[in-house]
Amino acid sequence: MKLSGGQQQRVAIARALASHAPIILADEPTGNLDNSTANEIIEILKKMAKKRNKCVIVVTHSKEVANSADVILELKDKRLQVVEWEDKI
């Protein structure tokens, strides 16, 4: 049985949420997905993280994914800085 990229992402999210870890690290969770599936994955992460009181740290190159975050940090010139709300990507 072969799972699609979106199905694999959903399984990975379920496993992460089922753990007792307070932090979930997601490295490009939508990188290989179509826009519709990517949006669904981000919404699942946001909804379940709030429901289960988890901190989700997402690494992404997608401006759309970044803009869906509560807080955006940007790595620039070897420094991590907060992107102000008015300056959202």
Protein backbone atom coordinates (compact mmCIF):
# COMPACT_ATOMS: atom_id res chain seq x y z
CA MET A 1 0.00 0.00 0.00
CA LYS A 2 1.46 3.32 -1.09
CA LEU A 3 0.43 6.57 0.56
CA SER A 4 0.25 9.90 -1.26
CA GLY A 5 2.40 12.81 -0.08
CA GLY A 6 -0.57 14.37 1.69
CA GLN A 7 -1.44 11.09 3.40
CA GLN A 8 2.16 10.67 4.54
CA GLN A 9 2.12 14.19 5.98
CA ARG A 10 -1.13 13.50 7.84
CA VAL A 11 0.36 10.33 9.35
CA ALA A 12 3.48 12.23 10.42
CA ILE A 13 1.35 14.95 12.04
CA ALA A 14 -0.78 12.37 13.84
CA ARG A 15 2.33 10.66 15.20
CA ALA A 16 3.81 13.97 16.37
CA LEU A 17 0.57 15.05 18.03
CA ALA A 18 0.17 11.67 19.73
CA SER A 19 3.55 12.03 21.41
CA HIS A 20 3.88 13.74 24.75
CA ALA A 21 6.46 16.18 23.41
CA PRO A 22 5.44 19.81 23.94
CA ILE A 23 7.18 20.94 20.73
CA ILE A 24 6.70 19.71 17.16
CA LEU A 25 9.40 20.52 14.60
CA ALA A 26 8.13 20.48 11.02
CA ASP A 27 10.77 20.89 8.32
CA GLU A 28 9.05 21.92 5.06
CA PRO A 29 5.83 20.03 5.88
CA THR A 30 4.19 21.28 2.68
CA GLY A 31 7.22 21.26 0.39
CA ASN A 32 6.10 18.53 -2.03
CA LEU A 33 2.35 19.07 -1.85
CA ASP A 34 -0.15 20.83 -4.09
CA ASN A 35 -1.60 24.10 -2.74
CA SER A 36 -4.90 22.60 -1.62
CA THR A 37 -3.26 19.77 0.32
CA ALA A 38 -0.62 22.14 1.73
CA ASN A 39 -3.31 24.45 3.09
CA GLU A 40 -5.11 21.48 4.61
CA ILE A 41 -1.91 20.27 6.31
CA ILE A 42 -1.22 23.72 7.79
CA GLU A 43 -4.78 24.01 9.08
CA ILE A 44 -4.54 20.55 10.67
CA LEU A 45 -1.26 21.51 12.37
CA LYS A 46 -2.69 24.79 13.68
CA LYS A 47 -5.98 23.33 14.89
CA MET A 48 -4.51 20.28 16.58
CA ALA A 49 -1.59 22.19 18.11
CA LYS A 50 -3.99 24.59 19.80
CA LYS A 51 -6.29 21.78 20.88
CA ARG A 52 -3.40 19.78 22.38
CA ASN A 53 -1.43 22.81 23.61
CA LYS A 54 1.68 22.14 21.50
CA CYS A 55 4.24 24.55 20.11
CA VAL A 56 4.76 23.94 16.39
CA ILE A 57 7.93 25.25 14.78
CA VAL A 58 7.72 25.16 10.99
CA VAL A 59 10.69 25.69 8.70
CA THR A 60 9.51 26.81 5.28
CA HIS A 61 10.38 28.76 2.15
CA SER A 62 6.68 29.33 1.45
CA LYS A 63 5.47 32.86 2.15
CA GLU A 64 1.90 31.58 2.35
CA VAL A 65 2.82 29.03 5.01
CA ALA A 66 4.88 31.60 6.92
CA ASN A 67 2.03 34.11 6.90
CA SER A 68 -0.28 31.57 8.51
CA ALA A 69 1.92 31.51 11.62
CA ASP A 70 1.22 33.30 14.89
CA VAL A 71 4.85 34.47 14.99
CA ILE A 72 7.34 34.61 12.13
CA LEU A 73 11.07 34.39 12.71
CA GLU A 74 13.42 34.97 9.81
CA LEU A 75 17.03 33.87 9.50
CA LYS A 76 18.92 36.74 7.92
CA ASP A 77 22.66 37.35 7.93
CA LYS A 78 23.14 34.48 10.40
CA ARG A 79 20.70 36.10 12.84
CA LEU A 80 17.23 35.02 13.83
CA GLN A 81 14.84 37.97 13.99
CA VAL A 82 11.14 38.47 14.54
CA VAL A 83 9.21 39.72 11.52
CA GLU A 84 6.84 42.45 12.68
CA TRP A 85 3.14 41.99 11.93
CA GLU A 86 3.12 44.97 9.55
CA ASP A 87 6.12 43.48 7.74
CA LYS A 88 4.63 40.04 7.18
CA ILE A 89 6.23 38.47 4.17
